[in-house]
Amino acid sequence: MRYFMHLAYRGAAYHGWQRQPGDITVQQRVEEALSTVLRHPVAVTGAGRTDAGVSASCMIAHFDTDVPTERVTSLPRSINSILGQDIVVYGIVPVHPDAHARFDAAARTYRYYFALRRSPYSDGLVWFAPPSVDFDAMNRAAAELLTTSDFTSFSKLHTDTKTNICRVTAASWMPVTPADAGRVPMGAEGYFEITADRFLRNMVRAIVGTLVEVGRGKLSLEGFREVIGRRDRCAAGTSMPGGPLFLHNIQYPYPLDFEIYGRSYD
């Protein structure tokens, strides 16, 4: 049987999601915990590959096992007791044998959190924006992302990606609202949210860094358009730190009805 798993993690202690020789990663920790609980080797495939230091409030991953469904879906507590404090499995559900956490994902949403005043509680998970930064200007520039498809200017160099074409469907700076309670870092006052069918390595942090140049008045709207058109990473701004970046949501063309410790979660 194939299963989808809903989990969240804080990325500060990990060298990204994907397993890498010599580095501790989230995928490695989850595979080790699952293998221990299920008592056989388990390979886990995630919906995305977050970079070092990047967190996820929603990651979906799949794995296969012949262990009876009733036992597998009741395992989150046992798995979490092994994982510790910075990775949490919320729920596990059986899916179609051909379902794929990565290739079936229709869209992914990232958030980059910010605050206008310092907080002793944010602990590297929030970017402290200059008081003079112009969010209206950054939103005008962010709207340009919906009109392009080639994001070479915001991609890390020398990757194994076959194409830099992405379809961004939403991109804007917005304030934290009561509806965000429990899903934002402490001290966060707002965030940049971007949704696309796929993301390139370092893409969101490079976009945010370039938008911040617009907000600080160092780059005009026309200049931002030129950065996109040049298709040159050297033309874009500096990448922002990874701590405030979170994989926030993943959308699938079919419903996933998770249960968190006996409570329904959709």
C-alpha atoms as a PDB file:
ATOM      1  CA  MET A   1       0.000   0.000   0.000  1.00  0.00           C
ATOM      2  CA  ARG A   2       1.039   3.599  -0.597  1.00  0.00           C
ATOM      3  CA  TYR A   3       0.497   6.247   2.077  1.00  0.00           C
ATOM      4  CA  PHE A   4       0.623  10.024   2.157  1.00  0.00           C
ATOM      5  CA  MET A   5       2.034  11.655   5.273  1.00  0.00           C
ATOM      6  CA  HIS A   6       1.395  15.232   6.429  1.00  0.00           C
ATOM      7  CA  LEU A   7       4.268  16.664   8.454  1.00  0.00           C
ATOM      8  CA  ALA A   8       5.853  19.937   9.508  1.00  0.00           C
ATOM      9  CA  TYR A   9       9.364  20.796  10.544  1.00  0.00           C
ATOM     10  CA  ARG A  10      11.724  23.543  11.594  1.00  0.00           C
ATOM     11  CA  GLY A  11      14.664  23.507   9.214  1.00  0.00           C
ATOM     12  CA  ALA A  12      17.344  25.267  11.279  1.00  0.00           C
ATOM     13  CA  ALA A  13      19.133  22.060  12.294  1.00  0.00           C
ATOM     14  CA  TYR A  14      18.935  20.386   8.883  1.00  0.00           C
ATOM     15  CA  HIS A  15      20.714  20.606   5.559  1.00  0.00           C
ATOM     16  CA  GLY A  16      17.419  20.776   3.714  1.00  0.00           C
ATOM     17  CA  TRP A  17      14.791  18.118   3.056  1.00  0.00           C
ATOM     18  CA  GLN A  18      16.613  15.828   0.625  1.00  0.00           C
ATOM     19  CA  ARG A  19      18.994  13.116   1.806  1.00  0.00           C
ATOM     20  CA  GLN A  20      22.658  14.036   1.243  1.00  0.00           C
ATOM     21  CA  PRO A  21      25.879  12.171   2.074  1.00  0.00           C
ATOM     22  CA  GLY A  22      27.491  13.453   5.245  1.00  0.00           C
ATOM     23  CA  ASP A  23      24.676  15.871   6.181  1.00  0.00           C
ATOM     24  CA  ILE A  24      21.645  15.522   8.456  1.00  0.00           C
ATOM     25  CA  THR A  25      18.421  16.125   6.519  1.00  0.00           C
ATOM     26  CA  VAL A  26      14.705  15.980   7.277  1.00  0.00           C
ATOM     27  CA  GLN A  27      14.134  13.140   4.801  1.00  0.00           C
ATOM     28  CA  GLN A  28      16.839  11.077   6.507  1.00  0.00           C
ATOM     29  CA  ARG A  29      15.338  11.585   9.969  1.00  0.00           C
ATOM     30  CA  VAL A  30      11.808  10.716   8.803  1.00  0.00           C
ATOM     31  CA  GLU A  31      12.979   7.591   6.967  1.00  0.00           C
ATOM     32  CA  GLU A  32      14.902   6.417  10.031  1.00  0.00           C
ATOM     33  CA  ALA A  33      11.912   6.947  12.319  1.00  0.00           C
ATOM     34  CA  LEU A  34       9.485   5.180   9.966  1.00  0.00           C
ATOM     35  CA  SER A  35      11.875   2.278   9.454  1.00  0.00           C
ATOM     36  CA  THR A  36      12.244   1.877  13.219  1.00  0.00           C
ATOM     37  CA  VAL A  37       8.500   1.876  13.879  1.00  0.00           C
ATOM     38  CA  LEU A  38       7.514  -0.294  10.894  1.00  0.00           C
ATOM     39  CA  ARG A  39      10.524  -2.621  11.384  1.00  0.00           C
ATOM     40  CA  HIS A  40      11.617  -2.610   7.755  1.00  0.00           C
ATOM     41  CA  PRO A  41      13.514  -0.122   5.541  1.00  0.00           C
ATOM     42  CA  VAL A  42      11.251   2.682   4.315  1.00  0.00           C
ATOM     43  CA  ALA A  43      11.989   5.202   1.546  1.00  0.00           C
ATOM     44  CA  VAL A  44      10.127   8.519   1.720  1.00  0.00           C
ATOM     45  CA  THR A  45       9.449  10.867  -1.219  1.00  0.00           C
ATOM     46  CA  GLY A  46       8.591  14.477  -0.395  1.00  0.00           C
ATOM     47  CA  ALA A  47       6.485  16.947  -2.371  1.00  0.00           C
ATOM     48  CA  GLY A  48       9.399  19.375  -2.540  1.00  0.00           C
ATOM     49  CA  ARG A  49      13.054  19.871  -1.677  1.00  0.00           C
ATOM     50  CA  THR A  50      13.371  22.714   0.814  1.00  0.00           C
ATOM     51  CA  ASP A  51      16.864  24.217   1.154  1.00  0.00           C
ATOM     52  CA  ALA A  52      19.070  24.226   4.239  1.00  0.00           C
ATOM     53  CA  GLY A  53      17.475  26.146   7.107  1.00  0.00           C
ATOM     54  CA  VAL A  54      14.070  26.409   5.403  1.00  0.00           C
ATOM     55  CA  SER A  55      11.049  25.186   7.385  1.00  0.00           C
ATOM     56  CA  ALA A  56       7.705  23.683   6.406  1.00  0.00           C
ATOM     57  CA  SER A  57       4.344  24.158   8.080  1.00  0.00           C
ATOM     58  CA  CYS A  58       2.945  21.717   5.506  1.00  0.00           C
ATOM     59  CA  MET A  59       4.985  19.021   3.789  1.00  0.00           C
ATOM     60  CA  ILE A  60       3.394  16.001   2.118  1.00  0.00           C
ATOM     61  CA  ALA A  61       5.434  12.845   1.545  1.00  0.00           C
ATOM     62  CA  HIS A  62       4.643   9.310   0.427  1.00  0.00           C
ATOM     63  CA  PHE A  63       5.982   5.870   1.325  1.00  0.00           C
ATOM     64  CA  ASP A  64       5.110   2.225   0.687  1.00  0.00           C
ATOM     65  CA  THR A  65       4.637  -0.609   3.163  1.00  0.00           C
ATOM     66  CA  ASP A  66       2.853  -3.962   3.458  1.00  0.00           C
ATOM     67  CA  VAL A  67       1.996  -3.307   7.108  1.00  0.00           C
ATOM     68  CA  PRO A  68      -1.825  -3.324   7.662  1.00  0.00           C
ATOM     69  CA  THR A  69      -3.507   0.057   7.128  1.00  0.00           C
ATOM     70  CA  GLU A  70      -5.062   0.139  10.604  1.00  0.00           C
ATOM     71  CA  ARG A  71      -1.618   0.054  12.166  1.00  0.00           C
ATOM     72  CA  VAL A  72       0.052   2.504   9.770  1.00  0.00           C
ATOM     73  CA  THR A  73      -2.552   5.273  10.107  1.00  0.00           C
ATOM     74  CA  SER A  74      -2.309   5.130  13.904  1.00  0.00           C
ATOM     75  CA  LEU A  75       1.471   5.615  13.952  1.00  0.00           C
ATOM     76  CA  PRO A  76       2.009   9.412  14.188  1.00  0.00           C
ATOM     77  CA  ARG A  77       2.439   9.407  17.985  1.00  0.00           C
ATOM     78  CA  SER A  78       5.012   6.610  17.842  1.00  0.00           C
ATOM     79  CA  ILE A  79       6.922   8.293  15.020  1.00  0.00           C
ATOM     80  CA  ASN A  80       6.893  11.672  16.774  1.00  0.00           C
ATOM     81  CA  SER A  81       8.329  10.162  19.947  1.00  0.00           C
ATOM     82  CA  ILE A  82      11.414   9.253  17.903  1.00  0.00           C
ATOM     83  CA  LEU A  83      11.661  12.425  15.795  1.00  0.00           C
ATOM     84  CA  GLY A  84      11.890  14.887  18.696  1.00  0.00           C
ATOM     85  CA  GLN A  85      10.777  18.503  18.813  1.00  0.00           C
ATOM     86  CA  ASP A  86      11.574  19.979  15.387  1.00  0.00           C
ATOM     87  CA  ILE A  87       9.758  17.478  13.127  1.00  0.00           C
ATOM     88  CA  VAL A  88       6.092  16.560  13.640  1.00  0.00           C
ATOM     89  CA  VAL A  89       3.985  14.024  11.725  1.00  0.00           C
ATOM     90  CA  TYR A  90       0.337  15.118  11.817  1.00  0.00           C
ATOM     91  CA  GLY A  91      -1.372  12.315   9.943  1.00  0.00           C
ATOM     92  CA  ILE A  92      -1.031   9.369   7.542  1.00  0.00           C
ATOM     93  CA  VAL A  93      -3.643   8.237   4.997  1.00  0.00           C
ATOM     94  CA  PRO A  94      -3.764   5.446   2.395  1.00  0.00           C
ATOM     95  CA  VAL A  95      -3.837   6.606  -1.236  1.00  0.00           C
ATOM     96  CA  HIS A  96      -3.981   5.097  -4.712  1.00  0.00           C
ATOM     97  CA  PRO A  97      -0.856   3.008  -5.505  1.00  0.00           C
ATOM     98  CA  ASP A  98       0.012   5.409  -8.348  1.00  0.00           C
ATOM     99  CA  ALA A  99      -0.366   8.585  -6.242  1.00  0.00           C
ATOM    100  CA  HIS A 100       2.870  10.591  -6.061  1.00  0.00           C
ATOM    101  CA  ALA A 101       3.544  13.280  -3.468  1.00  0.00           C
ATOM    102  CA  ARG A 102       5.858  15.236  -5.766  1.00  0.00           C
ATOM    103  CA  PHE A 103       4.604  14.704  -9.307  1.00  0.00           C
ATOM    104  CA  ASP A 104       0.880  14.930  -8.454  1.00  0.00           C
ATOM    105  CA  ALA A 105       1.210  18.258  -6.626  1.00  0.00           C
ATOM    106  CA  ALA A 106      -0.676  20.898  -8.624  1.00  0.00           C
ATOM    107  CA  ALA A 107       0.671  23.915  -6.716  1.00  0.00           C
ATOM    108  CA  ARG A 108       2.899  24.833  -3.821  1.00  0.00           C
ATOM    109  CA  THR A 109       2.785  27.934  -1.611  1.00  0.00           C
ATOM    110  CA  TYR A 110       5.711  29.489   0.243  1.00  0.00           C
ATOM    111  CA  ARG A 111       5.674  32.268   2.828  1.00  0.00           C
ATOM    112  CA  TYR A 112       8.520  34.570   3.840  1.00  0.00           C
ATOM    113  CA  TYR A 113       7.739  36.097   7.259  1.00  0.00           C
ATOM    114  CA  PHE A 114       8.664  39.604   8.367  1.00  0.00           C
ATOM    115  CA  ALA A 115       8.184  42.055  11.228  1.00  0.00           C
ATOM    116  CA  LEU A 116       8.683  45.791  11.540  1.00  0.00           C
ATOM    117  CA  ARG A 117       9.901  45.584  15.115  1.00  0.00           C
ATOM    118  CA  ARG A 118      12.212  43.183  16.867  1.00  0.00           C
ATOM    119  CA  SER A 119      10.860  40.368  18.997  1.00  0.00           C
ATOM    120  CA  PRO A 120      12.758  38.180  21.476  1.00  0.00           C
ATOM    121  CA  TYR A 121      10.618  35.211  20.435  1.00  0.00           C
ATOM    122  CA  SER A 122      11.077  34.936  16.665  1.00  0.00           C
ATOM    123  CA  ASP A 123      14.497  33.215  16.951  1.00  0.00           C
ATOM    124  CA  GLY A 124      15.623  33.607  13.333  1.00  0.00           C
ATOM    125  CA  LEU A 125      12.233  32.751  11.815  1.00  0.00           C
ATOM    126  CA  VAL A 126      11.303  36.359  10.973  1.00  0.00           C
ATOM    127  CA  TRP A 127      13.024  38.980   8.822  1.00  0.00           C
ATOM    128  CA  PHE A 128      13.077  42.423  10.447  1.00  0.00           C
ATOM    129  CA  ALA A 129      12.127  44.845   7.674  1.00  0.00           C
ATOM    130  CA  PRO A 130      13.383  48.468   7.666  1.00  0.00           C
ATOM    131  CA  PRO A 131      10.613  50.851   8.836  1.00  0.00           C
ATOM    132  CA  SER A 132      10.884  52.812   5.572  1.00  0.00           C
ATOM    133  CA  VAL A 133      10.382  49.830   3.244  1.00  0.00           C
ATOM    134  CA  ASP A 134       7.592  50.480   0.703  1.00  0.00           C
ATOM    135  CA  PHE A 135       5.283  47.453   0.643  1.00  0.00           C
ATOM    136  CA  ASP A 136       3.024  49.005  -2.002  1.00  0.00           C
ATOM    137  CA  ALA A 137       5.988  49.289  -4.367  1.00  0.00           C
ATOM    138  CA  MET A 138       6.986  45.697  -3.634  1.00  0.00           C
ATOM    139  CA  ASN A 139       3.459  44.506  -4.367  1.00  0.00           C
ATOM    140  CA  ARG A 140       3.442  46.334  -7.706  1.00  0.00           C
ATOM    141  CA  ALA A 141       6.687  44.585  -8.586  1.00  0.00           C
ATOM    142  CA  ALA A 142       5.429  41.217  -7.302  1.00  0.00           C
ATOM    143  CA  ALA A 143       2.490  41.453  -9.725  1.00  0.00           C
ATOM    144  CA  GLU A 144       5.025  41.238 -12.567  1.00  0.00           C
ATOM    145  CA  LEU A 145       5.823  37.668 -11.501  1.00  0.00           C
ATOM    146  CA  LEU A 146       2.375  36.584 -12.690  1.00  0.00           C
ATOM    147  CA  THR A 147       3.105  37.813 -16.212  1.00  0.00           C
ATOM    148  CA  THR A 148       6.311  35.837 -16.815  1.00  0.00           C
ATOM    149  CA  SER A 149       7.204  32.175 -17.073  1.00  0.00           C
ATOM    150  CA  ASP A 150      11.017  32.148 -17.248  1.00  0.00           C
ATOM    151  CA  PHE A 151      12.557  32.538 -13.776  1.00  0.00           C
ATOM    152  CA  THR A 152      16.206  32.042 -14.697  1.00  0.00           C
ATOM    153  CA  SER A 153      17.109  35.337 -12.989  1.00  0.00           C
ATOM    154  CA  PHE A 154      15.953  33.884  -9.661  1.00  0.00           C
ATOM    155  CA  SER A 155      17.408  30.384  -9.951  1.00  0.00           C
ATOM    156  CA  LYS A 156      20.541  29.092  -8.285  1.00  0.00           C
ATOM    157  CA  LEU A 157      23.314  28.581 -10.841  1.00  0.00           C
ATOM    158  CA  HIS A 158      24.581  25.195 -12.039  1.00  0.00           C
ATOM    159  CA  THR A 159      21.624  23.051 -10.971  1.00  0.00           C
ATOM    160  CA  ASP A 160      20.415  19.872 -12.679  1.00  0.00           C
ATOM    161  CA  THR A 161      17.032  21.461 -13.504  1.00  0.00           C
ATOM    162  CA  LYS A 162      16.013  20.874 -17.119  1.00  0.00           C
ATOM    163  CA  THR A 163      13.887  24.019 -17.387  1.00  0.00           C
ATOM    164  CA  ASN A 164      13.453  27.302 -15.513  1.00  0.00           C
ATOM    165  CA  ILE A 165       9.849  27.684 -16.610  1.00  0.00           C
ATOM    166  CA  CYS A 166       7.355  28.114 -13.734  1.00  0.00           C
ATOM    167  CA  ARG A 167       3.764  29.344 -13.540  1.00  0.00           C
ATOM    168  CA  VAL A 168       3.250  31.757 -10.640  1.00  0.00           C
ATOM    169  CA  THR A 169      -0.443  32.233  -9.835  1.00  0.00           C
ATOM    170  CA  ALA A 170      -0.199  34.485  -6.751  1.00  0.00           C
ATOM    171  CA  ALA A 171       2.484  36.708  -5.232  1.00  0.00           C
ATOM    172  CA  SER A 172       1.943  39.476  -2.681  1.00  0.00           C
ATOM    173  CA  TRP A 173       2.976  40.969   0.650  1.00  0.00           C
ATOM    174  CA  MET A 174       0.219  40.863   3.271  1.00  0.00           C
ATOM    175  CA  PRO A 175      -0.298  41.272   7.028  1.00  0.00           C
ATOM    176  CA  VAL A 176      -0.821  38.445   9.484  1.00  0.00           C
ATOM    177  CA  THR A 177      -4.532  38.044  10.329  1.00  0.00           C
ATOM    178  CA  PRO A 178      -6.382  36.165  13.111  1.00  0.00           C
ATOM    179  CA  ALA A 179      -6.968  33.353  10.593  1.00  0.00           C
ATOM    180  CA  ASP A 180      -3.192  32.733  10.624  1.00  0.00           C
ATOM    181  CA  ALA A 181      -3.161  32.000  14.373  1.00  0.00           C
ATOM    182  CA  GLY A 182      -1.069  28.956  15.199  1.00  0.00           C
ATOM    183  CA  ARG A 183       0.562  28.786  11.757  1.00  0.00           C
ATOM    184  CA  VAL A 184       2.977  31.733  11.872  1.00  0.00           C
ATOM    185  CA  PRO A 185       6.232  32.240  13.797  1.00  0.00           C
ATOM    186  CA  MET A 186       6.000  34.221  17.007  1.00  0.00           C
ATOM    187  CA  GLY A 187       6.581  37.929  16.391  1.00  0.00           C
ATOM    188  CA  ALA A 188       5.661  37.818  12.686  1.00  0.00           C
ATOM    189  CA  GLU A 189       3.579  40.767  11.503  1.00  0.00           C
ATOM    190  CA  GLY A 190       3.261  39.823   7.834  1.00  0.00           C
ATOM    191  CA  TYR A 191       4.624  37.723   5.016  1.00  0.00           C
ATOM    192  CA  PHE A 192       5.337  37.500   1.329  1.00  0.00           C
ATOM    193  CA  GLU A 193       3.234  34.667  -0.086  1.00  0.00           C
ATOM    194  CA  ILE A 194       3.864  33.088  -3.471  1.00  0.00           C
ATOM    195  CA  THR A 195       2.109  30.170  -5.191  1.00  0.00           C
ATOM    196  CA  ALA A 196       3.365  28.341  -8.290  1.00  0.00           C
ATOM    197  CA  ASP A 197       3.177  24.978  -9.981  1.00  0.00           C
ATOM    198  CA  ARG A 198       6.882  24.473  -9.256  1.00  0.00           C
ATOM    199  CA  PHE A 199       9.848  26.331  -7.761  1.00  0.00           C
ATOM    200  CA  LEU A 200      13.512  26.461  -8.663  1.00  0.00           C
ATOM    201  CA  ARG A 201      16.331  26.157  -6.140  1.00  0.00           C
ATOM    202  CA  ASN A 202      16.725  29.402  -4.165  1.00  0.00           C
ATOM    203  CA  MET A 203      13.923  30.986  -6.244  1.00  0.00           C
ATOM    204  CA  VAL A 204      11.785  32.429  -3.454  1.00  0.00           C
ATOM    205  CA  ARG A 205      14.686  33.890  -1.479  1.00  0.00           C
ATOM    206  CA  ALA A 206      16.107  35.491  -4.633  1.00  0.00           C
ATOM    207  CA  ILE A 207      12.709  36.967  -5.520  1.00  0.00           C
ATOM    208  CA  VAL A 208      12.264  38.354  -2.004  1.00  0.00           C
ATOM    209  CA  GLY A 209      15.766  39.842  -2.033  1.00  0.00           C
ATOM    210  CA  THR A 210      15.055  41.597  -5.332  1.00  0.00           C
ATOM    211  CA  LEU A 211      11.653  42.846  -4.168  1.00  0.00           C
ATOM    212  CA  VAL A 212      13.298  44.267  -1.053  1.00  0.00           C
ATOM    213  CA  GLU A 213      15.559  46.353  -3.315  1.00  0.00           C
ATOM    214  CA  VAL A 214      12.371  47.761  -4.857  1.00  0.00           C
ATOM    215  CA  GLY A 215      10.941  48.445  -1.402  1.00  0.00           C
ATOM    216  CA  ARG A 216      14.092  50.290  -0.367  1.00  0.00           C
ATOM    217  CA  GLY A 217      14.021  52.438  -3.466  1.00  0.00           C
ATOM    218  CA  LYS A 218      17.190  50.918  -4.935  1.00  0.00           C
ATOM    219  CA  LEU A 219      15.348  49.347  -7.883  1.00  0.00           C
ATOM    220  CA  SER A 220      12.453  50.747  -9.905  1.00  0.00           C
ATOM    221  CA  LEU A 221       9.476  48.810 -11.217  1.00  0.00           C
ATOM    222  CA  GLU A 222      10.954  49.036 -14.690  1.00  0.00           C
ATOM    223  CA  GLY A 223      14.268  47.852 -13.283  1.00  0.00           C
ATOM    224  CA  PHE A 224      12.533  44.835 -11.759  1.00  0.00           C
ATOM    225  CA  ARG A 225      11.030  44.012 -15.163  1.00  0.00           C
ATOM    226  CA  GLU A 226      14.521  44.247 -16.670  1.00  0.00           C
ATOM    227  CA  VAL A 227      15.885  41.832 -14.057  1.00  0.00           C
ATOM    228  CA  ILE A 228      13.276  39.257 -15.111  1.00  0.00           C
ATOM    229  CA  GLY A 229      13.929  39.834 -18.814  1.00  0.00           C
ATOM    230  CA  ARG A 230      17.705  39.492 -18.578  1.00  0.00           C
ATOM    231  CA  ARG A 231      17.446  35.857 -17.416  1.00  0.00           C
ATOM    232  CA  ASP A 232      20.656  36.276 -15.474  1.00  0.00           C
ATOM    233  CA  ARG A 233      20.988  35.441 -11.769  1.00  0.00           C
ATOM    234  CA  CYS A 234      23.654  38.127 -11.412  1.00  0.00           C
ATOM    235  CA  ALA A 235      21.058  40.762 -12.340  1.00  0.00           C
ATOM    236  CA  ALA A 236      18.782  39.936  -9.395  1.00  0.00           C
ATOM    237  CA  GLY A 237      19.171  40.888  -5.758  1.00  0.00           C
ATOM    238  CA  THR A 238      20.910  39.032  -2.950  1.00  0.00           C
ATOM    239  CA  SER A 239      19.186  35.926  -1.620  1.00  0.00           C
ATOM    240  CA  MET A 240      17.494  36.437   1.733  1.00  0.00           C
ATOM    241  CA  PRO A 241      18.285  34.236   4.773  1.00  0.00           C
ATOM    242  CA  GLY A 242      16.505  30.883   4.801  1.00  0.00           C
ATOM    243  CA  GLY A 243      15.150  31.026   8.370  1.00  0.00           C
ATOM    244  CA  PRO A 244      11.982  33.075   7.669  1.00  0.00           C
ATOM    245  CA  LEU A 245      11.021  30.943   4.629  1.00  0.00           C
ATOM    246  CA  PHE A 246       8.318  28.282   5.074  1.00  0.00           C
ATOM    247  CA  LEU A 247       6.719  25.800   2.701  1.00  0.00           C
ATOM    248  CA  HIS A 248       3.160  26.729   3.662  1.00  0.00           C
ATOM    249  CA  ASN A 249       0.794  24.615   1.555  1.00  0.00           C
ATOM    250  CA  ILE A 250       0.631  21.969  -1.184  1.00  0.00           C
ATOM    251  CA  GLN A 251      -2.410  21.462  -3.401  1.00  0.00           C
ATOM    252  CA  TYR A 252      -3.426  18.198  -5.059  1.00  0.00           C
ATOM    253  CA  PRO A 253      -6.094  17.486  -7.686  1.00  0.00           C
ATOM    254  CA  TYR A 254      -7.728  15.049  -5.262  1.00  0.00           C
ATOM    255  CA  PRO A 255      -8.815  15.454  -1.603  1.00  0.00           C
ATOM    256  CA  LEU A 256      -6.645  14.284   1.278  1.00  0.00           C
ATOM    257  CA  ASP A 257      -8.507  13.664   4.515  1.00  0.00           C
ATOM    258  CA  PHE A 258      -5.906  13.424   7.261  1.00  0.00           C
ATOM    259  CA  GLU A 259      -6.618  12.756  10.900  1.00  0.00           C
ATOM    260  CA  ILE A 260      -4.500  14.410  13.550  1.00  0.00           C
ATOM    261  CA  TYR A 261      -4.470  12.273  16.651  1.00  0.00           C
ATOM    262  CA  GLY A 262      -8.088  11.240  16.115  1.00  0.00           C
ATOM    263  CA  ARG A 263      -9.349  14.637  14.941  1.00  0.00           C
ATOM    264  CA  SER A 264     -10.417  15.204  11.376  1.00  0.00           C
ATOM    265  CA  TYR A 265      -8.050  17.347   9.314  1.00  0.00           C
ATOM    266  CA  ASP A 266      -8.582  18.302   5.671  1.00  0.00           C
END
